[in-house]
């Protein structure tokens, strides 16, 4: 009886660990802060490096080494292009480009910094975020937006790519 219970318990543990290895969590976090004194939106993203490299390879057909020793200037150019093509802001109906500023690595995450310039007082912001969602339908992008003392949170997925925030 003890052997049967022990065997069942070990089988359960093995299945649990195997299932957790198969089902990976796909999430990226974006933080947008409105800085009225600078008339800009400050954009910070936290993205898993391995997911980002796979998405870049799928989209552009070239292996990239973002966040690795072999990273080169071309990899950074592809990363900037990817952000420009997959993250958009419309402020009061006017499209505003995101300027990619820099990046840093924190463990297996890539933290990217950008800004949207020339943003005076606004009533609405339309955000389109397709970062990694074209590559993986399980990808979820959470975006926190702070402006005028108000914090709004939006979830972007492969089926929900755009959201309009009213202030």
C-alpha atoms as a PDB file:
ATOM      1  CA  UNK A   1       0.000   0.000   0.000  1.00  0.00           C
ATOM      2  CA  UNK A   2       2.804   2.435   0.946  1.00  0.00           C
ATOM      3  CA  UNK A   3       4.601   1.614  -2.303  1.00  0.00           C
ATOM      4  CA  UNK A   4       1.472   2.344  -4.334  1.00  0.00           C
ATOM      5  CA  UNK A   5       0.896   5.680  -2.624  1.00  0.00           C
ATOM      6  CA  UNK A   6       4.567   6.629  -2.991  1.00  0.00           C
ATOM      7  CA  UNK A   7       4.584   5.616  -6.658  1.00  0.00           C
ATOM      8  CA  UNK A   8       1.387   7.601  -7.322  1.00  0.00           C
ATOM      9  CA  UNK A   9       2.839  10.653  -5.566  1.00  0.00           C
ATOM     10  CA  UNK A  10       6.114  10.472  -7.506  1.00  0.00           C
ATOM     11  CA  UNK A  11       4.196  10.056 -10.768  1.00  0.00           C
ATOM     12  CA  UNK A  12       2.129  13.124  -9.935  1.00  0.00           C
ATOM     13  CA  UNK A  13       5.271  15.164  -9.214  1.00  0.00           C
ATOM     14  CA  UNK A  14       6.914  14.023 -12.431  1.00  0.00           C
ATOM     15  CA  UNK A  15       3.825  14.956 -14.469  1.00  0.00           C
ATOM     16  CA  UNK A  16       3.601  18.317 -12.709  1.00  0.00           C
ATOM     17  CA  UNK A  17       7.216  19.208 -13.462  1.00  0.00           C
ATOM     18  CA  UNK A  18       6.925  17.991 -17.046  1.00  0.00           C
ATOM     19  CA  UNK A  19       3.724  19.973 -17.623  1.00  0.00           C
ATOM     20  CA  UNK A  20       5.292  23.138 -16.224  1.00  0.00           C
ATOM     21  CA  UNK A  21       8.256  22.745 -18.584  1.00  0.00           C
ATOM     22  CA  UNK A  22       5.948  22.341 -21.593  1.00  0.00           C
ATOM     23  CA  UNK A  23       3.648  25.247 -20.783  1.00  0.00           C
ATOM     24  CA  UNK A  24       5.757  28.421 -20.687  1.00  0.00           C
ATOM     25  CA  UNK A  25       4.411  31.783 -19.577  1.00  0.00           C
ATOM     26  CA  UNK A  26       4.613  34.477 -22.296  1.00  0.00           C
ATOM     27  CA  UNK A  27       4.429  37.983 -20.843  1.00  0.00           C
ATOM     28  CA  UNK A  28       5.986  41.401 -21.432  1.00  0.00           C
ATOM     29  CA  UNK A  29       5.475  44.504 -19.314  1.00  0.00           C
ATOM     30  CA  UNK A  30       5.325  48.062 -20.643  1.00  0.00           C
ATOM     31  CA  UNK A  31       5.328  51.199 -18.510  1.00  0.00           C
ATOM     32  CA  UNK A  32       4.360  54.556 -20.014  1.00  0.00           C
ATOM     33  CA  UNK A  33       4.666  57.734 -17.961  1.00  0.00           C
ATOM     34  CA  UNK A  34       3.559  61.151 -19.142  1.00  0.00           C
ATOM     35  CA  UNK A  35       6.133  63.801 -18.219  1.00  0.00           C
ATOM     36  CA  UNK A  36       4.285  67.107 -18.793  1.00  0.00           C
ATOM     37  CA  UNK A  37       7.327  69.254 -17.937  1.00  0.00           C
ATOM     38  CA  UNK A  38       9.242  67.542 -20.756  1.00  0.00           C
ATOM     39  CA  UNK A  39       6.176  67.198 -23.032  1.00  0.00           C
ATOM     40  CA  UNK A  40       6.875  63.520 -23.601  1.00  0.00           C
ATOM     41  CA  UNK A  41       5.765  59.969 -22.964  1.00  0.00           C
ATOM     42  CA  UNK A  42       8.517  57.888 -21.381  1.00  0.00           C
ATOM     43  CA  UNK A  43       8.270  54.245 -22.444  1.00  0.00           C
ATOM     44  CA  UNK A  44       9.945  51.323 -20.667  1.00  0.00           C
ATOM     45  CA  UNK A  45       9.492  47.673 -21.663  1.00  0.00           C
ATOM     46  CA  UNK A  46      10.589  44.414 -20.049  1.00  0.00           C
ATOM     47  CA  UNK A  47      10.730  41.512 -22.488  1.00  0.00           C
ATOM     48  CA  UNK A  48      12.191  38.004 -22.227  1.00  0.00           C
ATOM     49  CA  UNK A  49      15.320  37.908 -24.383  1.00  0.00           C
ATOM     50  CA  UNK A  50      14.815  34.398 -25.787  1.00  0.00           C
ATOM     51  CA  UNK A  51      11.257  35.207 -26.897  1.00  0.00           C
ATOM     52  CA  UNK A  52      12.403  38.464 -28.482  1.00  0.00           C
ATOM     53  CA  UNK A  53      15.203  36.789 -30.465  1.00  0.00           C
ATOM     54  CA  UNK A  54      12.802  34.101 -31.715  1.00  0.00           C
ATOM     55  CA  UNK A  55      10.247  36.729 -32.758  1.00  0.00           C
ATOM     56  CA  UNK A  56      12.893  38.782 -34.575  1.00  0.00           C
ATOM     57  CA  UNK A  57      14.164  35.705 -36.405  1.00  0.00           C
ATOM     58  CA  UNK A  58      10.654  34.739 -37.468  1.00  0.00           C
ATOM     59  CA  UNK A  59       9.744  38.245 -38.614  1.00  0.00           C
ATOM     60  CA  UNK A  60      12.969  39.145 -40.427  1.00  0.00           C
ATOM     61  CA  UNK A  61      14.386  35.722 -41.334  1.00  0.00           C
ATOM     62  CA  UNK A  62      17.722  36.433 -39.635  1.00  0.00           C
ATOM     63  CA  UNK A  63      19.093  34.997 -36.406  1.00  0.00           C
ATOM     64  CA  UNK A  64      19.735  37.750 -33.861  1.00  0.00           C
ATOM     65  CA  UNK A  65      21.815  37.728 -30.711  1.00  0.00           C
ATOM     66  CA  UNK A  66      20.146  40.446 -28.653  1.00  0.00           C
ATOM     67  CA  UNK A  67      21.405  40.215 -25.074  1.00  0.00           C
ATOM     68  CA  UNK A  68      24.228  37.807 -25.930  1.00  0.00           C
ATOM     69  CA  UNK A  69      27.989  38.214 -26.422  1.00  0.00           C
ATOM     70  CA  UNK A  70      27.605  37.929 -30.206  1.00  0.00           C
ATOM     71  CA  UNK A  71      25.188  40.915 -30.350  1.00  0.00           C
ATOM     72  CA  UNK A  72      26.265  43.356 -33.058  1.00  0.00           C
ATOM     73  CA  UNK A  73      25.241  46.681 -34.579  1.00  0.00           C
ATOM     74  CA  UNK A  74      22.937  44.971 -37.085  1.00  0.00           C
ATOM     75  CA  UNK A  75      21.092  43.212 -34.246  1.00  0.00           C
ATOM     76  CA  UNK A  76      20.458  46.584 -32.569  1.00  0.00           C
ATOM     77  CA  UNK A  77      19.247  48.065 -35.879  1.00  0.00           C
ATOM     78  CA  UNK A  78      16.791  45.174 -36.264  1.00  0.00           C
ATOM     79  CA  UNK A  79      15.608  45.659 -32.668  1.00  0.00           C
ATOM     80  CA  UNK A  80      14.967  49.380 -33.269  1.00  0.00           C
ATOM     81  CA  UNK A  81      13.131  48.608 -36.514  1.00  0.00           C
ATOM     82  CA  UNK A  82      11.018  45.989 -34.733  1.00  0.00           C
ATOM     83  CA  UNK A  83       9.937  48.436 -32.042  1.00  0.00           C
ATOM     84  CA  UNK A  84       9.159  51.107 -34.664  1.00  0.00           C
ATOM     85  CA  UNK A  85       6.941  48.636 -36.562  1.00  0.00           C
ATOM     86  CA  UNK A  86       5.158  47.131 -33.550  1.00  0.00           C
ATOM     87  CA  UNK A  87       4.558  49.892 -30.988  1.00  0.00           C
ATOM     88  CA  UNK A  88       2.499  52.949 -32.006  1.00  0.00           C
ATOM     89  CA  UNK A  89       0.959  55.879 -30.170  1.00  0.00           C
ATOM     90  CA  UNK A  90      -1.681  58.272 -31.499  1.00  0.00           C
ATOM     91  CA  UNK A  91      -2.066  61.290 -29.250  1.00  0.00           C
ATOM     92  CA  UNK A  92      -5.329  63.178 -29.832  1.00  0.00           C
ATOM     93  CA  UNK A  93      -5.573  61.357 -33.188  1.00  0.00           C
ATOM     94  CA  UNK A  94      -2.045  62.305 -34.322  1.00  0.00           C
ATOM     95  CA  UNK A  95       0.491  59.497 -34.839  1.00  0.00           C
ATOM     96  CA  UNK A  96       3.643  59.974 -32.782  1.00  0.00           C
ATOM     97  CA  UNK A  97       6.758  57.838 -33.363  1.00  0.00           C
ATOM     98  CA  UNK A  98       8.497  56.070 -30.504  1.00  0.00           C
ATOM     99  CA  UNK A  99      12.191  56.921 -30.419  1.00  0.00           C
ATOM    100  CA  UNK A 100      14.204  53.941 -29.171  1.00  0.00           C
ATOM    101  CA  UNK A 101      16.774  55.335 -26.719  1.00  0.00           C
ATOM    102  CA  UNK A 102      18.641  52.464 -25.108  1.00  0.00           C
ATOM    103  CA  UNK A 103      18.481  49.015 -23.592  1.00  0.00           C
ATOM    104  CA  UNK A 104      19.945  47.084 -20.708  1.00  0.00           C
ATOM    105  CA  UNK A 105      19.879  43.496 -19.607  1.00  0.00           C
ATOM    106  CA  UNK A 106      18.601  42.242 -16.266  1.00  0.00           C
ATOM    107  CA  UNK A 107      18.989  38.479 -16.066  1.00  0.00           C
ATOM    108  CA  UNK A 108      16.915  36.958 -18.876  1.00  0.00           C
ATOM    109  CA  UNK A 109      14.998  40.211 -19.435  1.00  0.00           C
ATOM    110  CA  UNK A 110      15.768  42.998 -21.866  1.00  0.00           C
ATOM    111  CA  UNK A 111      14.722  46.423 -20.598  1.00  0.00           C
ATOM    112  CA  UNK A 112      14.188  48.883 -23.434  1.00  0.00           C
ATOM    113  CA  UNK A 113      13.767  52.633 -23.059  1.00  0.00           C
ATOM    114  CA  UNK A 114      12.050  54.933 -25.499  1.00  0.00           C
ATOM    115  CA  UNK A 115      10.167  58.195 -25.691  1.00  0.00           C
ATOM    116  CA  UNK A 116       7.421  59.886 -27.609  1.00  0.00           C
ATOM    117  CA  UNK A 117       8.309  63.586 -27.963  1.00  0.00           C
ATOM    118  CA  UNK A 118       6.190  66.699 -28.488  1.00  0.00           C
ATOM    119  CA  UNK A 119       3.242  65.533 -26.398  1.00  0.00           C
ATOM    120  CA  UNK A 120       1.366  68.491 -24.978  1.00  0.00           C
ATOM    121  CA  UNK A 121      -1.785  68.073 -22.917  1.00  0.00           C
ATOM    122  CA  UNK A 122      -4.006  65.376 -24.392  1.00  0.00           C
ATOM    123  CA  UNK A 123      -7.463  63.869 -24.025  1.00  0.00           C
ATOM    124  CA  UNK A 124      -6.883  60.475 -25.611  1.00  0.00           C
ATOM    125  CA  UNK A 125      -4.084  58.112 -26.529  1.00  0.00           C
ATOM    126  CA  UNK A 126      -4.527  55.226 -28.941  1.00  0.00           C
ATOM    127  CA  UNK A 127      -1.927  52.530 -28.371  1.00  0.00           C
ATOM    128  CA  UNK A 128      -1.141  49.668 -30.734  1.00  0.00           C
ATOM    129  CA  UNK A 129       1.160  47.011 -29.327  1.00  0.00           C
ATOM    130  CA  UNK A 130       1.986  43.924 -31.400  1.00  0.00           C
ATOM    131  CA  UNK A 131       5.351  43.176 -29.779  1.00  0.00           C
ATOM    132  CA  UNK A 132       5.783  39.361 -29.874  1.00  0.00           C
ATOM    133  CA  UNK A 133       2.058  38.723 -30.483  1.00  0.00           C
ATOM    134  CA  UNK A 134       2.623  37.951 -34.199  1.00  0.00           C
ATOM    135  CA  UNK A 135       5.092  35.244 -33.150  1.00  0.00           C
ATOM    136  CA  UNK A 136       3.124  33.603 -30.364  1.00  0.00           C
ATOM    137  CA  UNK A 137      -0.635  33.674 -29.890  1.00  0.00           C
ATOM    138  CA  UNK A 138      -0.118  33.018 -26.144  1.00  0.00           C
ATOM    139  CA  UNK A 139       1.861  36.249 -25.740  1.00  0.00           C
ATOM    140  CA  UNK A 140       0.336  38.879 -23.436  1.00  0.00           C
ATOM    141  CA  UNK A 141       1.598  42.441 -23.126  1.00  0.00           C
ATOM    142  CA  UNK A 142       0.547  44.367 -20.049  1.00  0.00           C
ATOM    143  CA  UNK A 143       0.836  48.130 -20.379  1.00  0.00           C
ATOM    144  CA  UNK A 144       0.586  50.520 -17.423  1.00  0.00           C
ATOM    145  CA  UNK A 145      -0.058  54.154 -18.393  1.00  0.00           C
ATOM    146  CA  UNK A 146       0.384  56.999 -15.879  1.00  0.00           C
ATOM    147  CA  UNK A 147      -0.847  60.496 -16.730  1.00  0.00           C
ATOM    148  CA  UNK A 148      -2.424  63.361 -14.789  1.00  0.00           C
ATOM    149  CA  UNK A 149      -2.324  61.371 -11.551  1.00  0.00           C
ATOM    150  CA  UNK A 150      -4.348  58.552 -13.161  1.00  0.00           C
ATOM    151  CA  UNK A 151      -3.064  55.020 -13.794  1.00  0.00           C
ATOM    152  CA  UNK A 152      -4.657  52.826 -16.456  1.00  0.00           C
ATOM    153  CA  UNK A 153      -3.719  49.252 -17.313  1.00  0.00           C
ATOM    154  CA  UNK A 154      -4.299  47.543 -20.645  1.00  0.00           C
ATOM    155  CA  UNK A 155      -3.765  43.957 -21.777  1.00  0.00           C
ATOM    156  CA  UNK A 156      -2.677  43.406 -25.393  1.00  0.00           C
ATOM    157  CA  UNK A 157      -2.906  39.970 -27.026  1.00  0.00           C
ATOM    158  CA  UNK A 158      -2.819  38.550 -30.541  1.00  0.00           C
ATOM    159  CA  UNK A 159      -6.541  39.317 -30.828  1.00  0.00           C
ATOM    160  CA  UNK A 160      -6.500  42.670 -28.988  1.00  0.00           C
ATOM    161  CA  UNK A 161      -3.818  44.864 -30.521  1.00  0.00           C
ATOM    162  CA  UNK A 162      -5.159  48.388 -30.021  1.00  0.00           C
ATOM    163  CA  UNK A 163      -6.695  50.293 -27.131  1.00  0.00           C
ATOM    164  CA  UNK A 164      -7.838  53.899 -26.717  1.00  0.00           C
ATOM    165  CA  UNK A 165      -7.330  55.520 -23.324  1.00  0.00           C
ATOM    166  CA  UNK A 166      -9.378  58.627 -22.443  1.00  0.00           C
ATOM    167  CA  UNK A 167      -8.197  61.232 -19.948  1.00  0.00           C
END
